């Protein structure tokens, strides 16, 4: 049943994002090193930028995981309504 507030209550699979970010960081760092050794500065810069992006995503994911089960729910935690703020 749709309630109309799905984007506000959507939850991300943080463990999956963690491993995918780590995998991307490893490959982007390896690409940066390989293209630097092969004297391809353009491709090395692209891989370096991807490595920075993956590292930033990894930092956000680790921060969210450390925030606890409210942001990293398991199958035993039901969906919740977002907090209502009076404006």
PDB file of N, CA and C in Angstrom:
ATOM      1  N   UNK A   1       0.841  -1.171   0.000  1.00  0.00           N
ATOM      2  CA  UNK A   1       0.000   0.000   0.000  1.00  0.00           C
ATOM      3  C   UNK A   1       0.890   1.238   0.000  1.00  0.00           C
ATOM      4  N   UNK A   2       0.629   2.143  -0.892  1.00  0.00           N
ATOM      5  CA  UNK A   2       1.409   3.377  -0.980  1.00  0.00           C
ATOM      6  C   UNK A   2       0.795   4.436  -0.079  1.00  0.00           C
ATOM      7  N   UNK A   3       1.671   5.155   0.602  1.00  0.00           N
ATOM      8  CA  UNK A   3       1.182   6.203   1.494  1.00  0.00           C
ATOM      9  C   UNK A   3       1.438   7.594   0.932  1.00  0.00           C
ATOM     10  N   UNK A   4       2.251   7.697  -0.112  1.00  0.00           N
ATOM     11  CA  UNK A   4       2.546   8.994  -0.702  1.00  0.00           C
ATOM     12  C   UNK A   4       3.807   9.636  -0.159  1.00  0.00           C
ATOM     13  N   UNK A   5       4.401   9.058   0.881  1.00  0.00           N
ATOM     14  CA  UNK A   5       5.613   9.640   1.447  1.00  0.00           C
ATOM     15  C   UNK A   5       6.820   8.712   1.286  1.00  0.00           C
ATOM     16  N   UNK A   6       6.808   7.873   0.272  1.00  0.00           N
ATOM     17  CA  UNK A   6       7.879   6.898   0.099  1.00  0.00           C
ATOM     18  C   UNK A   6       9.265   7.534  -0.031  1.00  0.00           C
ATOM     19  N   UNK A   7       9.449   8.615  -0.790  1.00  0.00           N
ATOM     20  CA  UNK A   7      10.804   9.178  -0.845  1.00  0.00           C
ATOM     21  C   UNK A   7      11.306   9.660   0.514  1.00  0.00           C
ATOM     22  N   UNK A   8      10.402  10.131   1.365  1.00  0.00           N
ATOM     23  CA  UNK A   8      10.811  10.622   2.683  1.00  0.00           C
ATOM     24  C   UNK A   8      11.149   9.487   3.635  1.00  0.00           C
ATOM     25  N   UNK A   9      10.573   8.311   3.429  1.00  0.00           N
ATOM     26  CA  UNK A   9      10.812   7.194   4.342  1.00  0.00           C
ATOM     27  C   UNK A   9      11.665   6.104   3.712  1.00  0.00           C
ATOM     28  N   UNK A  10      12.227   6.355   2.534  1.00  0.00           N
ATOM     29  CA  UNK A  10      13.052   5.353   1.862  1.00  0.00           C
ATOM     30  C   UNK A  10      14.307   5.081   2.681  1.00  0.00           C
ATOM     31  N   UNK A  11      14.719   3.819   2.679  1.00  0.00           N
ATOM     32  CA  UNK A  11      15.921   3.435   3.414  1.00  0.00           C
ATOM     33  C   UNK A  11      16.893   2.778   2.449  1.00  0.00           C
ATOM     34  N   UNK A  12      18.161   3.113   2.587  1.00  0.00           N
ATOM     35  CA  UNK A  12      19.196   2.617   1.691  1.00  0.00           C
ATOM     36  C   UNK A  12      19.851   1.366   2.279  1.00  0.00           C
ATOM     37  N   UNK A  13      20.171   0.383   1.442  1.00  0.00           N
ATOM     38  CA  UNK A  13      20.897  -0.794   1.937  1.00  0.00           C
ATOM     39  C   UNK A  13      22.365  -0.423   2.170  1.00  0.00           C
ATOM     40  N   UNK A  14      22.667   0.038   3.373  1.00  0.00           N
ATOM     41  CA  UNK A  14      23.981   0.621   3.643  1.00  0.00           C
ATOM     42  C   UNK A  14      25.116  -0.388   3.551  1.00  0.00           C
ATOM     43  N   UNK A  15      24.885  -1.617   3.948  1.00  0.00           N
ATOM     44  CA  UNK A  15      25.970  -2.603   3.857  1.00  0.00           C
ATOM     45  C   UNK A  15      26.342  -2.853   2.402  1.00  0.00           C
ATOM     46  N   UNK A  16      25.353  -2.934   1.539  1.00  0.00           N
ATOM     47  CA  UNK A  16      25.624  -3.112   0.113  1.00  0.00           C
ATOM     48  C   UNK A  16      26.356  -1.900  -0.444  1.00  0.00           C
ATOM     49  N   UNK A  17      25.908  -0.703  -0.086  1.00  0.00           N
ATOM     50  CA  UNK A  17      26.589   0.514  -0.534  1.00  0.00           C
ATOM     51  C   UNK A  17      28.018   0.571  -0.026  1.00  0.00           C
ATOM     52  N   UNK A  18      28.252   0.089   1.199  1.00  0.00           N
ATOM     53  CA  UNK A  18      29.605   0.065   1.750  1.00  0.00           C
ATOM     54  C   UNK A  18      30.525  -0.789   0.886  1.00  0.00           C
ATOM     55  N   UNK A  19      30.086  -2.013   0.600  1.00  0.00           N
ATOM     56  CA  UNK A  19      30.948  -2.920  -0.169  1.00  0.00           C
ATOM     57  C   UNK A  19      31.114  -2.455  -1.610  1.00  0.00           C
ATOM     58  N   UNK A  20      30.072  -1.906  -2.214  1.00  0.00           N
ATOM     59  CA  UNK A  20      30.212  -1.394  -3.579  1.00  0.00           C
ATOM     60  C   UNK A  20      31.127  -0.175  -3.626  1.00  0.00           C
ATOM     61  N   UNK A  21      31.041   0.693  -2.637  1.00  0.00           N
ATOM     62  CA  UNK A  21      31.927   1.855  -2.581  1.00  0.00           C
ATOM     63  C   UNK A  21      33.372   1.427  -2.372  1.00  0.00           C
ATOM     64  N   UNK A  22      33.575   0.453  -1.503  1.00  0.00           N
ATOM     65  CA  UNK A  22      34.931  -0.041  -1.267  1.00  0.00           C
ATOM     66  C   UNK A  22      35.501  -0.677  -2.530  1.00  0.00           C
ATOM     67  N   UNK A  23      34.685  -1.468  -3.214  1.00  0.00           N
ATOM     68  CA  UNK A  23      35.098  -2.101  -4.472  1.00  0.00           C
ATOM     69  C   UNK A  23      35.452  -1.032  -5.512  1.00  0.00           C
ATOM     70  N   UNK A  24      34.629  -0.017  -5.638  1.00  0.00           N
ATOM     71  CA  UNK A  24      34.903   1.071  -6.575  1.00  0.00           C
ATOM     72  C   UNK A  24      36.144   1.853  -6.206  1.00  0.00           C
ATOM     73  N   UNK A  25      36.359   2.071  -4.917  1.00  0.00           N
ATOM     74  CA  UNK A  25      37.551   2.785  -4.461  1.00  0.00           C
ATOM     75  C   UNK A  25      38.812   2.003  -4.798  1.00  0.00           C
ATOM     76  N   UNK A  26      38.792   0.705  -4.573  1.00  0.00           N
ATOM     77  CA  UNK A  26      39.959  -0.132  -4.885  1.00  0.00           C
ATOM     78  C   UNK A  26      40.263  -0.094  -6.377  1.00  0.00           C
ATOM     79  N   UNK A  27      39.238  -0.283  -7.218  1.00  0.00           N
ATOM     80  CA  UNK A  27      39.462  -0.299  -8.662  1.00  0.00           C
ATOM     81  C   UNK A  27      39.865   1.071  -9.195  1.00  0.00           C
ATOM     82  N   UNK A  28      39.281   2.134  -8.670  1.00  0.00           N
ATOM     83  CA  UNK A  28      39.642   3.474  -9.128  1.00  0.00           C
ATOM     84  C   UNK A  28      41.066   3.823  -8.711  1.00  0.00           C
ATOM     85  N   UNK A  29      41.465   3.435  -7.507  1.00  0.00           N
ATOM     86  CA  UNK A  29      42.842   3.685  -7.069  1.00  0.00           C
ATOM     87  C   UNK A  29      43.826   2.871  -7.898  1.00  0.00           C
ATOM     88  N   UNK A  30      43.468   1.625  -8.198  1.00  0.00           N
ATOM     89  CA  UNK A  30      44.331   0.802  -9.051  1.00  0.00           C
ATOM     90  C   UNK A  30      44.424   1.392 -10.455  1.00  0.00           C
ATOM     91  N   UNK A  31      43.315   1.885 -10.978  1.00  0.00           N
ATOM     92  CA  UNK A  31      43.327   2.526 -12.293  1.00  0.00           C
ATOM     93  C   UNK A  31      44.170   3.783 -12.303  1.00  0.00           C
ATOM     94  N   UNK A  32      44.088   4.563 -11.227  1.00  0.00           N
ATOM     95  CA  UNK A  32      44.911   5.769 -11.124  1.00  0.00           C
ATOM     96  C   UNK A  32      46.387   5.404 -11.157  1.00  0.00           C
ATOM     97  N   UNK A  33      46.768   4.399 -10.380  1.00  0.00           N
ATOM     98  CA  UNK A  33      48.172   3.978 -10.354  1.00  0.00           C
ATOM     99  C   UNK A  33      48.610   3.415 -11.703  1.00  0.00           C
ATOM    100  N   UNK A  34      47.779   2.576 -12.298  1.00  0.00           N
ATOM    101  CA  UNK A  34      48.149   1.952 -13.572  1.00  0.00           C
ATOM    102  C   UNK A  34      48.277   2.984 -14.685  1.00  0.00           C
ATOM    103  N   UNK A  35      47.332   3.910 -14.776  1.00  0.00           N
ATOM    104  CA  UNK A  35      47.407   4.922 -15.824  1.00  0.00           C
ATOM    105  C   UNK A  35      48.534   5.915 -15.567  1.00  0.00           C
ATOM    106  N   UNK A  36      48.871   6.155 -14.310  1.00  0.00           N
ATOM    107  CA  UNK A  36      50.010   7.026 -14.014  1.00  0.00           C
ATOM    108  C   UNK A  36      51.308   6.368 -14.462  1.00  0.00           C
ATOM    109  N   UNK A  37      51.439   5.078 -14.202  1.00  0.00           N
ATOM    110  CA  UNK A  37      52.638   4.354 -14.628  1.00  0.00           C
ATOM    111  C   UNK A  37      52.714   4.224 -16.142  1.00  0.00           C
ATOM    112  N   UNK A  38      51.573   4.202 -16.811  1.00  0.00           N
ATOM    113  CA  UNK A  38      51.531   4.081 -18.270  1.00  0.00           C
ATOM    114  C   UNK A  38      51.614   5.439 -18.955  1.00  0.00           C
ATOM    115  N   UNK A  39      51.853   6.495 -18.195  1.00  0.00           N
ATOM    116  CA  UNK A  39      51.982   7.863 -18.723  1.00  0.00           C
ATOM    117  C   UNK A  39      50.718   8.307 -19.462  1.00  0.00           C
ATOM    118  N   UNK A  40      49.577   8.046 -18.867  1.00  0.00           N
ATOM    119  CA  UNK A  40      48.279   8.494 -19.385  1.00  0.00           C
ATOM    120  C   UNK A  40      47.642   9.414 -18.348  1.00  0.00           C
ATOM    121  N   UNK A  41      48.063  10.688 -18.301  1.00  0.00           N
ATOM    122  CA  UNK A  41      47.593  11.570 -17.226  1.00  0.00           C
ATOM    123  C   UNK A  41      46.094  11.857 -17.265  1.00  0.00           C
ATOM    124  N   UNK A  42      45.494  11.899 -18.439  1.00  0.00           N
ATOM    125  CA  UNK A  42      44.057  12.162 -18.526  1.00  0.00           C
ATOM    126  C   UNK A  42      43.238  11.060 -17.878  1.00  0.00           C
ATOM    127  N   UNK A  43      43.548   9.823 -18.230  1.00  0.00           N
ATOM    128  CA  UNK A  43      42.827   8.692 -17.647  1.00  0.00           C
ATOM    129  C   UNK A  43      43.141   8.542 -16.164  1.00  0.00           C
ATOM    130  N   UNK A  44      44.383   8.868 -15.785  1.00  0.00           N
ATOM    131  CA  UNK A  44      44.735   8.819 -14.360  1.00  0.00           C
ATOM    132  C   UNK A  44      43.911   9.839 -13.574  1.00  0.00           C
ATOM    133  N   UNK A  45      43.697  11.015 -14.158  1.00  0.00           N
ATOM    134  CA  UNK A  45      42.894  12.045 -13.488  1.00  0.00           C
ATOM    135  C   UNK A  45      41.435  11.607 -13.361  1.00  0.00           C
ATOM    136  N   UNK A  46      40.908  10.980 -14.405  1.00  0.00           N
ATOM    137  CA  UNK A  46      39.522  10.487 -14.351  1.00  0.00           C
ATOM    138  C   UNK A  46      39.383   9.426 -13.259  1.00  0.00           C
ATOM    139  N   UNK A  47      40.320   8.489 -13.218  1.00  0.00           N
ATOM    140  CA  UNK A  47      40.269   7.451 -12.183  1.00  0.00           C
ATOM    141  C   UNK A  47      40.473   8.051 -10.795  1.00  0.00           C
ATOM    142  N   UNK A  48      41.319   9.071 -10.696  1.00  0.00           N
ATOM    143  CA  UNK A  48      41.515   9.741  -9.413  1.00  0.00           C
ATOM    144  C   UNK A  48      40.248  10.427  -8.938  1.00  0.00           C
ATOM    145  N   UNK A  49      39.536  11.068  -9.873  1.00  0.00           N
ATOM    146  CA  UNK A  49      38.269  11.714  -9.518  1.00  0.00           C
ATOM    147  C   UNK A  49      37.242  10.671  -9.072  1.00  0.00           C
ATOM    148  N   UNK A  50      37.203   9.536  -9.755  1.00  0.00           N
ATOM    149  CA  UNK A  50      36.294   8.458  -9.342  1.00  0.00           C
ATOM    150  C   UNK A  50      36.673   7.912  -7.968  1.00  0.00           C
ATOM    151  N   UNK A  51      37.969   7.833  -7.697  1.00  0.00           N
ATOM    152  CA  UNK A  51      38.417   7.366  -6.383  1.00  0.00           C
ATOM    153  C   UNK A  51      37.972   8.338  -5.292  1.00  0.00           C
ATOM    154  N   UNK A  52      38.068   9.642  -5.563  1.00  0.00           N
ATOM    155  CA  UNK A  52      37.607  10.630  -4.586  1.00  0.00           C
ATOM    156  C   UNK A  52      36.102  10.530  -4.361  1.00  0.00           C
ATOM    157  N   UNK A  53      35.358  10.322  -5.431  1.00  0.00           N
ATOM    158  CA  UNK A  53      33.908  10.171  -5.314  1.00  0.00           C
ATOM    159  C   UNK A  53      33.551   8.925  -4.502  1.00  0.00           C
ATOM    160  N   UNK A  54      34.234   7.819  -4.780  1.00  0.00           N
ATOM    161  CA  UNK A  54      33.980   6.585  -4.028  1.00  0.00           C
ATOM    162  C   UNK A  54      34.366   6.748  -2.560  1.00  0.00           C
ATOM    163  N   UNK A  55      35.463   7.462  -2.296  1.00  0.00           N
ATOM    164  CA  UNK A  55      35.883   7.688  -0.907  1.00  0.00           C
ATOM    165  C   UNK A  55      34.868   8.556  -0.163  1.00  0.00           C
ATOM    166  N   UNK A  56      34.330   9.558  -0.838  1.00  0.00           N
ATOM    167  CA  UNK A  56      33.318  10.411  -0.206  1.00  0.00           C
ATOM    168  C   UNK A  56      32.054   9.607   0.099  1.00  0.00           C
ATOM    169  N   UNK A  57      31.625   8.774  -0.843  1.00  0.00           N
ATOM    170  CA  UNK A  57      30.447   7.941  -0.609  1.00  0.00           C
ATOM    171  C   UNK A  57      30.703   6.963   0.531  1.00  0.00           C
ATOM    172  N   UNK A  58      31.899   6.404   0.574  1.00  0.00           N
ATOM    173  CA  UNK A  58      32.256   5.478   1.644  1.00  0.00           C
ATOM    174  C   UNK A  58      32.212   6.176   3.001  1.00  0.00           C
ATOM    175  N   UNK A  59      32.683   7.412   3.060  1.00  0.00           N
ATOM    176  CA  UNK A  59      32.646   8.164   4.319  1.00  0.00           C
ATOM    177  C   UNK A  59      31.208   8.421   4.767  1.00  0.00           C
ATOM    178  N   UNK A  60      30.334   8.760   3.827  1.00  0.00           N
ATOM    179  CA  UNK A  60      28.925   8.994   4.167  1.00  0.00           C
ATOM    180  C   UNK A  60      28.275   7.704   4.660  1.00  0.00           C
ATOM    181  N   UNK A  61      28.551   6.608   3.988  1.00  0.00           N
ATOM    182  CA  UNK A  61      27.957   5.326   4.376  1.00  0.00           C
ATOM    183  C   UNK A  61      28.431   4.913   5.769  1.00  0.00           C
ATOM    184  N   UNK A  62      29.723   5.050   6.035  1.00  0.00           N
ATOM    185  CA  UNK A  62      30.248   4.689   7.356  1.00  0.00           C
ATOM    186  C   UNK A  62      29.619   5.574   8.432  1.00  0.00           C
ATOM    187  N   UNK A  63      29.447   6.851   8.138  1.00  0.00           N
ATOM    188  CA  UNK A  63      28.795   7.756   9.089  1.00  0.00           C
ATOM    189  C   UNK A  63      27.363   7.304   9.374  1.00  0.00           C
ATOM    190  N   UNK A  64      26.626   6.946   8.335  1.00  0.00           N
ATOM    191  CA  UNK A  64      25.239   6.496   8.511  1.00  0.00           C
ATOM    192  C   UNK A  64      25.174   5.180   9.288  1.00  0.00           C
ATOM    193  N   UNK A  65      26.116   4.278   9.015  1.00  0.00           N
ATOM    194  CA  UNK A  65      26.130   3.006   9.743  1.00  0.00           C
ATOM    195  C   UNK A  65      26.389   3.257  11.222  1.00  0.00           C
ATOM    196  N   UNK A  66      27.286   4.190  11.533  1.00  0.00           N
ATOM    197  CA  UNK A  66      27.592   4.488  12.934  1.00  0.00           C
ATOM    198  C   UNK A  66      26.459   5.214  13.641  1.00  0.00           C
ATOM    199  N   UNK A  67      25.497   5.748  12.902  1.00  0.00           N
ATOM    200  CA  UNK A  67      24.357   6.405  13.529  1.00  0.00           C
ATOM    201  C   UNK A  67      23.407   5.409  14.173  1.00  0.00           C
ATOM    202  N   UNK A  68      23.508   4.158  13.821  1.00  0.00           N
ATOM    203  CA  UNK A  68      22.723   3.139  14.501  1.00  0.00           C
ATOM    204  C   UNK A  68      21.582   2.579  13.687  1.00  0.00           C
ATOM    205  N   UNK A  69      20.772   1.709  14.313  1.00  0.00           N
ATOM    206  CA  UNK A  69      19.738   0.975  13.604  1.00  0.00           C
ATOM    207  C   UNK A  69      18.602   1.839  13.069  1.00  0.00           C
ATOM    208  N   UNK A  70      18.452   3.051  13.564  1.00  0.00           N
ATOM    209  CA  UNK A  70      17.405   3.917  13.010  1.00  0.00           C
ATOM    210  C   UNK A  70      17.692   4.196  11.536  1.00  0.00           C
ATOM    211  N   UNK A  71      18.973   4.269  11.186  1.00  0.00           N
ATOM    212  CA  UNK A  71      19.365   4.525   9.802  1.00  0.00           C
ATOM    213  C   UNK A  71      19.825   3.262   9.100  1.00  0.00           C
ATOM    214  N   UNK A  72      20.038   2.180   9.827  1.00  0.00           N
ATOM    215  CA  UNK A  72      20.479   0.904   9.266  1.00  0.00           C
ATOM    216  C   UNK A  72      19.549  -0.191   9.760  1.00  0.00           C
ATOM    217  N   UNK A  73      18.292  -0.142   9.355  1.00  0.00           N
ATOM    218  CA  UNK A  73      17.336  -1.107   9.900  1.00  0.00           C
ATOM    219  C   UNK A  73      17.552  -2.505   9.342  1.00  0.00           C
ATOM    220  N   UNK A  74      17.228  -3.461  10.160  1.00  0.00           N
ATOM    221  CA  UNK A  74      17.256  -4.848   9.731  1.00  0.00           C
ATOM    222  C   UNK A  74      15.840  -5.322   9.459  1.00  0.00           C
ATOM    223  N   UNK A  75      15.665  -6.608   9.198  1.00  0.00           N
ATOM    224  CA  UNK A  75      14.332  -7.118   8.887  1.00  0.00           C
ATOM    225  C   UNK A  75      13.379  -7.066  10.079  1.00  0.00           C
ATOM    226  N   UNK A  76      13.912  -6.936  11.300  1.00  0.00           N
ATOM    227  CA  UNK A  76      13.043  -6.916  12.474  1.00  0.00           C
ATOM    228  C   UNK A  76      12.568  -5.511  12.839  1.00  0.00           C
ATOM    229  N   UNK A  77      13.024  -4.483  12.126  1.00  0.00           N
ATOM    230  CA  UNK A  77      12.616  -3.107  12.415  1.00  0.00           C
ATOM    231  C   UNK A  77      11.588  -2.680  11.373  1.00  0.00           C
ATOM    232  N   UNK A  78      10.372  -2.347  11.797  1.00  0.00           N
ATOM    233  CA  UNK A  78       9.332  -1.969  10.832  1.00  0.00           C
ATOM    234  C   UNK A  78       9.588  -0.584  10.247  1.00  0.00           C
ATOM    235  N   UNK A  79       8.979  -0.280   9.113  1.00  0.00           N
ATOM    236  CA  UNK A  79       9.090   1.071   8.561  1.00  0.00           C
ATOM    237  C   UNK A  79       8.536   2.088   9.547  1.00  0.00           C
ATOM    238  N   UNK A  80       9.021   3.276   9.490  1.00  0.00           N
ATOM    239  CA  UNK A  80       8.608   4.306  10.426  1.00  0.00           C
ATOM    240  C   UNK A  80       8.204   5.561   9.672  1.00  0.00           C
ATOM    241  N   UNK A  81       7.406   6.348  10.320  1.00  0.00           N
ATOM    242  CA  UNK A  81       7.032   7.646   9.769  1.00  0.00           C
ATOM    243  C   UNK A  81       8.143   8.633  10.095  1.00  0.00           C
ATOM    244  N   UNK A  82       8.458   9.546   9.196  1.00  0.00           N
ATOM    245  CA  UNK A  82       9.482  10.540   9.510  1.00  0.00           C
ATOM    246  C   UNK A  82       9.000  11.475  10.608  1.00  0.00           C
ATOM    247  N   UNK A  83       9.925  12.047  11.389  1.00  0.00           N
ATOM    248  CA  UNK A  83       9.504  12.976  12.435  1.00  0.00           C
ATOM    249  C   UNK A  83       8.827  14.197  11.833  1.00  0.00           C
ATOM    250  N   UNK A  84       7.756  14.606  12.463  1.00  0.00           N
ATOM    251  CA  UNK A  84       7.016  15.776  11.983  1.00  0.00           C
ATOM    252  C   UNK A  84       7.563  17.009  12.681  1.00  0.00           C
ATOM    253  N   UNK A  85       7.876  18.035  11.913  1.00  0.00           N
ATOM    254  CA  UNK A  85       8.340  19.285  12.520  1.00  0.00           C
ATOM    255  C   UNK A  85       7.308  20.367  12.236  1.00  0.00           C
ATOM    256  N   UNK A  86       6.983  21.104  13.258  1.00  0.00           N
ATOM    257  CA  UNK A  86       6.020  22.195  13.122  1.00  0.00           C
ATOM    258  C   UNK A  86       6.755  23.428  12.637  1.00  0.00           C
ATOM    259  N   UNK A  87       6.241  24.041  11.590  1.00  0.00           N
ATOM    260  CA  UNK A  87       6.882  25.249  11.054  1.00  0.00           C
ATOM    261  C   UNK A  87       5.976  26.417  11.182  1.00  0.00           C
TER     262      UNK A  87
END
